[in-house]
N, C-alpha and C. Protein backbone atom coordinates (compact mmCIF):
# COMPACT_ATOMS: atom_id res chain seq x y z
N MET A 1 -11.50 7.86 11.33
CA MET A 1 -10.84 6.94 10.39
C MET A 1 -9.29 7.26 10.49
N ILE A 2 -8.50 6.19 10.46
CA ILE A 2 -7.07 6.33 10.48
C ILE A 2 -6.60 6.35 9.04
N ASN A 3 -5.75 7.36 8.72
CA ASN A 3 -5.18 7.45 7.41
C ASN A 3 -3.56 7.51 7.52
N TYR A 4 -2.96 7.08 6.45
CA TYR A 4 -1.49 7.19 6.44
C TYR A 4 -1.11 8.63 6.07
N LYS A 5 -0.27 9.26 6.77
CA LYS A 5 0.27 10.60 6.45
C LYS A 5 1.34 10.51 5.49
N ILE A 6 1.95 9.46 5.31
CA ILE A 6 3.15 9.29 4.48
C ILE A 6 2.90 8.05 3.56
N ASP A 7 3.73 7.99 2.43
CA ASP A 7 3.83 6.73 1.74
C ASP A 7 4.75 5.80 2.46
N VAL A 8 4.21 4.86 3.15
CA VAL A 8 4.99 4.01 4.07
C VAL A 8 5.98 3.27 3.31
N LEU A 9 5.57 2.58 2.26
CA LEU A 9 6.58 1.78 1.48
C LEU A 9 7.70 2.57 0.99
N GLU A 10 7.40 3.80 0.41
CA GLU A 10 8.43 4.63 -0.07
C GLU A 10 9.38 5.09 1.05
N THR A 11 8.82 5.40 2.17
CA THR A 11 9.68 5.82 3.37
C THR A 11 10.57 4.59 3.84
N LEU A 12 9.92 3.33 3.84
CA LEU A 12 10.78 2.23 4.14
C LEU A 12 11.95 2.07 3.17
N LYS A 13 11.56 2.29 1.89
CA LYS A 13 12.61 2.13 0.83
C LYS A 13 13.72 3.14 1.17
N LYS A 14 13.37 4.44 1.43
CA LYS A 14 14.36 5.47 1.61
C LYS A 14 15.30 5.04 2.82
N CYS A 15 14.84 4.33 3.72
CA CYS A 15 15.48 3.87 4.86
C CYS A 15 16.29 2.54 4.69
N GLY A 16 16.27 2.07 3.40
CA GLY A 16 16.95 0.82 3.09
C GLY A 16 16.25 -0.46 3.13
N TYR A 17 14.98 -0.30 3.19
CA TYR A 17 14.12 -1.52 3.21
C TYR A 17 13.28 -1.67 2.03
N ASN A 18 13.72 -2.10 0.94
CA ASN A 18 12.94 -2.35 -0.28
C ASN A 18 12.11 -3.51 -0.12
N GLN A 19 11.12 -3.73 -1.05
CA GLN A 19 10.13 -4.85 -0.88
C GLN A 19 10.81 -6.21 -0.87
N THR A 20 11.98 -6.38 -1.65
CA THR A 20 12.72 -7.57 -1.67
C THR A 20 13.32 -7.90 -0.34
N ARG A 21 13.90 -6.92 0.24
CA ARG A 21 14.49 -7.14 1.54
C ARG A 21 13.48 -7.43 2.61
N LEU A 22 12.33 -6.69 2.58
CA LEU A 22 11.30 -6.93 3.55
C LEU A 22 10.75 -8.35 3.51
N GLN A 23 10.65 -8.88 2.27
CA GLN A 23 10.12 -10.22 2.15
C GLN A 23 11.28 -11.26 2.45
N LYS A 24 12.51 -10.98 1.96
CA LYS A 24 13.59 -12.04 2.10
C LYS A 24 13.86 -12.19 3.67
N GLU A 25 13.94 -11.04 4.32
CA GLU A 25 14.33 -11.03 5.77
C GLU A 25 13.09 -11.29 6.63
N LYS A 26 11.94 -11.48 5.99
CA LYS A 26 10.59 -11.75 6.69
C LYS A 26 10.35 -10.63 7.71
N LEU A 27 10.64 -9.39 7.28
CA LEU A 27 10.42 -8.26 8.24
C LEU A 27 8.94 -7.84 8.28
N LEU A 28 8.25 -7.88 7.05
CA LEU A 28 6.86 -7.68 6.96
C LEU A 28 6.27 -8.68 5.95
N PRO A 29 5.13 -9.29 6.30
CA PRO A 29 4.55 -10.26 5.34
C PRO A 29 4.05 -9.47 4.09
N LYS A 30 3.91 -10.27 3.02
CA LYS A 30 3.44 -9.72 1.77
C LYS A 30 2.04 -9.10 1.85
N GLN A 31 1.22 -9.77 2.61
CA GLN A 31 -0.17 -9.35 2.86
C GLN A 31 -0.27 -7.96 3.57
N THR A 32 0.73 -7.73 4.45
CA THR A 32 0.85 -6.50 5.20
C THR A 32 1.22 -5.40 4.23
N MET A 33 2.13 -5.66 3.36
CA MET A 33 2.57 -4.74 2.27
C MET A 33 1.38 -4.34 1.39
N THR A 34 0.54 -5.39 1.01
CA THR A 34 -0.62 -5.15 0.22
C THR A 34 -1.61 -4.29 0.94
N ASN A 35 -1.83 -4.57 2.20
CA ASN A 35 -2.76 -3.70 2.98
C ASN A 35 -2.21 -2.23 3.11
N ILE A 36 -0.99 -2.00 3.24
CA ILE A 36 -0.40 -0.63 3.31
C ILE A 36 -0.66 0.02 1.94
N LYS A 37 -0.36 -0.71 0.90
CA LYS A 37 -0.50 -0.10 -0.50
C LYS A 37 -2.01 0.29 -0.67
N ALA A 38 -3.01 -0.55 -0.15
CA ALA A 38 -4.35 -0.18 -0.30
C ALA A 38 -4.95 0.70 0.69
N GLY A 39 -4.13 1.21 1.64
CA GLY A 39 -4.57 2.10 2.65
C GLY A 39 -5.35 1.46 3.88
N LYS A 40 -5.19 0.14 3.95
CA LYS A 40 -6.02 -0.62 4.89
C LYS A 40 -5.19 -0.54 6.17
N SER A 41 -5.85 -0.99 7.22
CA SER A 41 -5.31 -0.96 8.57
C SER A 41 -4.10 -1.99 8.67
N ILE A 42 -3.33 -1.67 9.73
CA ILE A 42 -2.15 -2.62 10.07
C ILE A 42 -2.35 -2.76 11.55
N THR A 43 -1.60 -3.77 12.02
CA THR A 43 -1.65 -4.12 13.52
C THR A 43 -0.76 -3.06 14.25
N LEU A 44 -0.82 -2.95 15.45
CA LEU A 44 0.09 -2.18 16.30
C LEU A 44 1.44 -2.73 16.28
N GLU A 45 1.59 -3.99 16.18
CA GLU A 45 2.94 -4.68 16.08
C GLU A 45 3.58 -4.18 14.81
N THR A 46 2.90 -4.23 13.77
CA THR A 46 3.46 -3.79 12.41
C THR A 46 3.85 -2.25 12.51
N LEU A 47 2.93 -1.48 13.06
CA LEU A 47 3.24 -0.04 13.18
C LEU A 47 4.51 0.21 14.03
N ASN A 48 4.70 -0.61 15.07
CA ASN A 48 5.82 -0.54 15.89
C ASN A 48 7.11 -0.87 15.05
N LYS A 49 7.00 -1.95 14.29
CA LYS A 49 8.11 -2.36 13.45
C LYS A 49 8.54 -1.27 12.44
N ILE A 50 7.46 -0.61 11.88
CA ILE A 50 7.77 0.44 10.90
C ILE A 50 8.40 1.59 11.54
N CYS A 51 7.92 1.96 12.76
CA CYS A 51 8.42 3.04 13.52
C CYS A 51 9.95 2.81 13.87
N ILE A 52 10.32 1.64 14.25
CA ILE A 52 11.64 1.30 14.61
C ILE A 52 12.53 1.35 13.35
N MET A 53 12.20 0.69 12.31
CA MET A 53 12.87 0.59 11.00
C MET A 53 13.16 2.01 10.51
N CYS A 54 12.24 2.91 10.54
CA CYS A 54 12.35 4.26 9.99
C CYS A 54 12.67 5.33 11.03
N LYS A 55 12.81 4.93 12.26
CA LYS A 55 13.11 5.89 13.33
C LYS A 55 12.10 7.02 13.32
N LEU A 56 10.75 6.61 13.34
CA LEU A 56 9.69 7.54 13.41
C LEU A 56 8.75 7.31 14.55
N GLN A 57 7.89 8.18 14.86
CA GLN A 57 6.88 7.95 15.93
C GLN A 57 5.55 7.56 15.09
N PRO A 58 4.60 6.94 15.80
CA PRO A 58 3.35 6.67 15.16
C PRO A 58 2.64 7.80 14.52
N GLY A 59 2.77 9.03 15.21
CA GLY A 59 2.14 10.25 14.68
C GLY A 59 2.76 10.80 13.43
N ASP A 60 3.95 10.32 13.16
CA ASP A 60 4.65 10.67 11.93
C ASP A 60 4.05 9.91 10.70
N ILE A 61 3.43 8.68 11.09
CA ILE A 61 2.95 7.75 10.00
C ILE A 61 1.47 7.88 9.73
N ILE A 62 0.76 7.95 10.85
CA ILE A 62 -0.66 7.89 10.68
C ILE A 62 -1.34 9.10 11.36
N GLU A 63 -2.58 9.35 10.97
CA GLU A 63 -3.42 10.50 11.55
C GLU A 63 -4.86 10.08 11.70
N VAL A 64 -5.62 10.58 12.62
CA VAL A 64 -7.00 10.32 12.72
C VAL A 64 -7.71 11.47 12.09
N ILE A 65 -8.60 11.16 11.10
CA ILE A 65 -9.55 12.10 10.50
C ILE A 65 -10.94 11.58 10.53
N PRO A 66 -11.69 12.08 11.52
CA PRO A 66 -13.05 11.51 11.75
C PRO A 66 -13.95 11.68 10.59
N THR A 67 -14.71 10.59 10.21
CA THR A 67 -15.64 10.69 9.18
C THR A 67 -16.90 11.44 9.73
N ASP A 68 -17.77 11.92 8.84
CA ASP A 68 -19.05 12.57 9.26
C ASP A 68 -19.82 11.66 10.22
N GLU A 69 -19.83 10.32 9.94
CA GLU A 69 -20.58 9.47 10.79
C GLU A 69 -19.87 9.36 12.14
N GLU A 70 -18.59 9.35 12.18
CA GLU A 70 -17.89 9.32 13.45
C GLU A 70 -18.08 10.59 14.27
N LYS A 71 -18.14 11.74 13.59
CA LYS A 71 -18.35 12.95 14.27
C LYS A 71 -19.73 12.96 14.86
N ILE A 72 -20.73 12.56 14.14
CA ILE A 72 -22.09 12.41 14.74
C ILE A 72 -22.14 11.48 16.00
N LYS A 73 -21.53 10.48 15.82
CA LYS A 73 -21.61 9.34 16.88
C LYS A 73 -20.83 9.70 18.13
N TYR A 74 -19.60 10.37 18.03
CA TYR A 74 -18.74 10.51 19.08
C TYR A 74 -18.63 11.94 19.58
N TYR A 75 -19.01 12.92 18.83
CA TYR A 75 -18.84 14.31 19.33
C TYR A 75 -20.02 14.74 20.10
């Protein structure tokens, strides 16, 4: 399972991208921001945008923590 290592919206805010700016400049759709808040998945395109805006690498934002079911199935 992929989890966020950081508070993505808070990190964006620290980099000058508050929710108003993200929506006004159409940088991230409102549904994407809702998904991030809920810890749901985002597309690779969105991950790429966030990495560029915050000058981060994907591994700075997300991590893989296998569930017990995934461990049984894939290990």
